N, C-alpha and C. Protein backbone atom coordinates (compact mmCIF):
# COMPACT_ATOMS: atom_id res chain seq x y z
N MET A 1 126.90 -40.21 14.69
CA MET A 1 126.45 -40.87 15.89
C MET A 1 125.26 -41.80 15.59
N PHE A 2 124.35 -41.37 14.72
CA PHE A 2 123.16 -42.16 14.39
C PHE A 2 123.54 -43.56 13.91
N LYS A 3 124.47 -43.63 12.97
CA LYS A 3 124.80 -44.94 12.40
C LYS A 3 125.39 -45.89 13.44
N GLU A 4 126.18 -45.37 14.36
CA GLU A 4 126.76 -46.21 15.39
C GLU A 4 125.70 -46.71 16.37
N ARG A 5 124.77 -45.85 16.70
CA ARG A 5 123.74 -46.24 17.68
C ARG A 5 122.75 -47.24 17.10
N ILE A 6 122.39 -47.06 15.85
CA ILE A 6 121.49 -48.02 15.21
C ILE A 6 122.15 -49.40 15.17
N LYS A 7 123.39 -49.43 14.76
CA LYS A 7 124.10 -50.70 14.67
C LYS A 7 124.26 -51.34 16.05
N ALA A 8 124.58 -50.54 17.06
CA ALA A 8 124.76 -51.07 18.41
C ALA A 8 123.45 -51.67 18.93
N PHE A 9 122.34 -50.96 18.76
CA PHE A 9 121.05 -51.50 19.20
C PHE A 9 120.73 -52.79 18.47
N ARG A 10 120.97 -52.82 17.18
CA ARG A 10 120.69 -54.02 16.39
C ARG A 10 121.53 -55.20 16.87
N GLU A 11 122.81 -54.96 17.08
CA GLU A 11 123.71 -56.03 17.50
C GLU A 11 123.43 -56.50 18.92
N GLU A 12 122.99 -55.60 19.80
CA GLU A 12 122.61 -56.01 21.16
C GLU A 12 121.49 -57.05 21.13
N ARG A 13 120.65 -56.95 20.14
CA ARG A 13 119.52 -57.86 20.02
C ARG A 13 119.84 -59.07 19.13
N ASN A 14 121.06 -59.12 18.62
CA ASN A 14 121.49 -60.20 17.73
C ASN A 14 120.62 -60.29 16.48
N TRP A 15 120.23 -59.13 15.97
CA TRP A 15 119.44 -59.06 14.75
C TRP A 15 120.37 -58.77 13.57
N THR A 16 120.06 -59.34 12.44
CA THR A 16 120.74 -58.98 11.20
C THR A 16 120.11 -57.70 10.68
N GLN A 17 120.74 -57.11 9.69
CA GLN A 17 120.13 -55.94 9.05
C GLN A 17 118.79 -56.33 8.43
N SER A 18 118.72 -57.52 7.88
CA SER A 18 117.47 -57.98 7.28
C SER A 18 116.37 -58.15 8.31
N GLU A 19 116.72 -58.63 9.50
CA GLU A 19 115.73 -58.79 10.57
C GLU A 19 115.20 -57.44 11.02
N LEU A 20 116.09 -56.47 11.21
CA LEU A 20 115.65 -55.13 11.60
C LEU A 20 114.76 -54.54 10.49
N ALA A 21 115.16 -54.72 9.27
CA ALA A 21 114.37 -54.21 8.14
C ALA A 21 112.98 -54.83 8.12
N ARG A 22 112.90 -56.13 8.37
CA ARG A 22 111.61 -56.82 8.38
C ARG A 22 110.71 -56.24 9.47
N ARG A 23 111.28 -55.99 10.63
CA ARG A 23 110.50 -55.44 11.75
C ARG A 23 109.99 -54.04 11.45
N LEU A 24 110.71 -53.31 10.61
CA LEU A 24 110.32 -51.95 10.26
C LEU A 24 109.53 -51.86 8.95
N GLY A 25 109.47 -52.96 8.23
CA GLY A 25 108.74 -52.98 6.96
C GLY A 25 109.46 -52.27 5.83
N VAL A 26 110.80 -52.37 5.84
CA VAL A 26 111.61 -51.75 4.79
C VAL A 26 112.59 -52.79 4.25
N SER A 27 113.34 -52.43 3.22
CA SER A 27 114.34 -53.35 2.68
C SER A 27 115.63 -53.26 3.50
N HIS A 28 116.42 -54.32 3.45
CA HIS A 28 117.66 -54.33 4.21
C HIS A 28 118.66 -53.29 3.69
N THR A 29 118.51 -52.89 2.43
CA THR A 29 119.43 -51.88 1.89
C THR A 29 119.21 -50.52 2.56
N ILE A 30 118.01 -50.27 3.04
CA ILE A 30 117.77 -49.03 3.78
C ILE A 30 118.52 -49.06 5.10
N ILE A 31 118.44 -50.17 5.80
CA ILE A 31 119.18 -50.31 7.07
C ILE A 31 120.67 -50.23 6.81
N GLN A 32 121.13 -50.86 5.77
CA GLN A 32 122.55 -50.81 5.40
C GLN A 32 122.98 -49.37 5.17
N GLY A 33 122.15 -48.60 4.48
CA GLY A 33 122.46 -47.19 4.24
C GLY A 33 122.54 -46.39 5.52
N TYR A 34 121.65 -46.67 6.48
CA TYR A 34 121.71 -45.99 7.77
C TYR A 34 123.03 -46.29 8.47
N GLU A 35 123.40 -47.57 8.47
CA GLU A 35 124.61 -47.97 9.20
C GLU A 35 125.89 -47.52 8.50
N LEU A 36 125.84 -47.33 7.21
CA LEU A 36 127.00 -46.82 6.48
C LEU A 36 127.07 -45.29 6.52
N GLY A 37 125.96 -44.68 6.91
CA GLY A 37 125.91 -43.22 6.95
C GLY A 37 125.63 -42.58 5.61
N THR A 38 125.16 -43.36 4.65
CA THR A 38 124.86 -42.84 3.32
C THR A 38 123.39 -42.48 3.15
N ARG A 39 122.61 -42.80 4.15
CA ARG A 39 121.17 -42.56 4.09
C ARG A 39 120.71 -42.03 5.44
N LYS A 40 119.79 -41.07 5.41
CA LYS A 40 119.20 -40.49 6.63
C LYS A 40 117.75 -40.94 6.73
N PRO A 41 117.27 -41.23 7.94
CA PRO A 41 115.88 -41.65 8.09
C PRO A 41 114.91 -40.47 8.01
N SER A 42 113.71 -40.76 7.56
CA SER A 42 112.65 -39.76 7.62
C SER A 42 112.26 -39.58 9.08
N ASN A 43 111.49 -38.55 9.35
CA ASN A 43 111.02 -38.34 10.72
C ASN A 43 110.19 -39.52 11.21
N ASP A 44 109.34 -40.05 10.34
CA ASP A 44 108.52 -41.20 10.72
C ASP A 44 109.38 -42.42 11.03
N MET A 45 110.40 -42.65 10.21
CA MET A 45 111.28 -43.79 10.45
C MET A 45 112.10 -43.60 11.72
N LEU A 46 112.55 -42.38 11.97
CA LEU A 46 113.29 -42.10 13.19
C LEU A 46 112.44 -42.42 14.41
N CYS A 47 111.17 -42.03 14.38
CA CYS A 47 110.26 -42.33 15.49
C CYS A 47 110.03 -43.84 15.61
N ALA A 48 109.89 -44.53 14.50
CA ALA A 48 109.70 -45.98 14.53
C ALA A 48 110.90 -46.69 15.12
N LEU A 49 112.10 -46.23 14.77
CA LEU A 49 113.32 -46.81 15.34
C LEU A 49 113.39 -46.57 16.84
N ALA A 50 113.08 -45.36 17.27
CA ALA A 50 113.10 -45.04 18.70
C ALA A 50 112.09 -45.89 19.46
N ASP A 51 110.90 -46.06 18.90
CA ASP A 51 109.89 -46.91 19.54
C ASP A 51 110.36 -48.35 19.62
N LEU A 52 110.92 -48.86 18.55
CA LEU A 52 111.38 -50.24 18.51
C LEU A 52 112.49 -50.49 19.52
N PHE A 53 113.42 -49.56 19.62
CA PHE A 53 114.56 -49.73 20.51
C PHE A 53 114.32 -49.21 21.92
N GLY A 54 113.19 -48.56 22.15
CA GLY A 54 112.86 -48.07 23.49
C GLY A 54 113.76 -46.93 23.94
N CYS A 55 114.04 -46.02 23.04
CA CYS A 55 114.90 -44.88 23.37
C CYS A 55 114.28 -43.62 22.77
N THR A 56 114.93 -42.51 22.97
CA THR A 56 114.44 -41.26 22.40
C THR A 56 115.07 -41.01 21.03
N THR A 57 114.41 -40.19 20.26
CA THR A 57 115.00 -39.79 18.98
C THR A 57 116.25 -38.96 19.21
N ASP A 58 116.26 -38.17 20.26
CA ASP A 58 117.46 -37.38 20.58
C ASP A 58 118.66 -38.28 20.83
N TYR A 59 118.44 -39.41 21.49
CA TYR A 59 119.55 -40.34 21.73
C TYR A 59 120.06 -40.91 20.41
N LEU A 60 119.15 -41.33 19.55
CA LEU A 60 119.55 -41.88 18.25
C LEU A 60 120.36 -40.87 17.44
N LEU A 61 119.98 -39.61 17.55
CA LEU A 61 120.66 -38.56 16.78
C LEU A 61 121.93 -38.05 17.44
N GLY A 62 122.22 -38.53 18.65
CA GLY A 62 123.43 -38.10 19.33
C GLY A 62 123.30 -36.78 20.06
N ARG A 63 122.06 -36.33 20.29
CA ARG A 63 121.84 -35.05 20.96
C ARG A 63 121.88 -35.19 22.47
N THR A 64 121.82 -36.43 22.98
CA THR A 64 121.89 -36.68 24.40
C THR A 64 122.56 -38.04 24.62
N GLU A 65 123.12 -38.22 25.78
CA GLU A 65 123.74 -39.50 26.12
C GLU A 65 122.77 -40.40 26.87
N LYS A 66 121.63 -39.86 27.26
CA LYS A 66 120.63 -40.63 28.00
C LYS A 66 119.62 -41.20 27.01
N SER A 67 119.49 -42.53 27.01
CA SER A 67 118.58 -43.15 26.05
C SER A 67 117.16 -43.14 26.56
C-alpha cells in the first residue's frame, strides 16, 4: 500500500521522482525504491513524507483509509 500511495501523491502534484527527492533532501533512487517496494522508509522519512503530503503516517502505511 505504501508504494502506491507515495506514487499517487507524487503524481497528483505532477512531481517527478527527482522533484520529490529534492524536496526531501534525498536521491531519486531512494524514491524509486519506495515506489518499487524494494526500500522501506525510516521513521523520520515516513514522518517527513506525511508532513509533505499533508496526511498521516497511518494512511501512508495503509493502516487507515482516511488521510
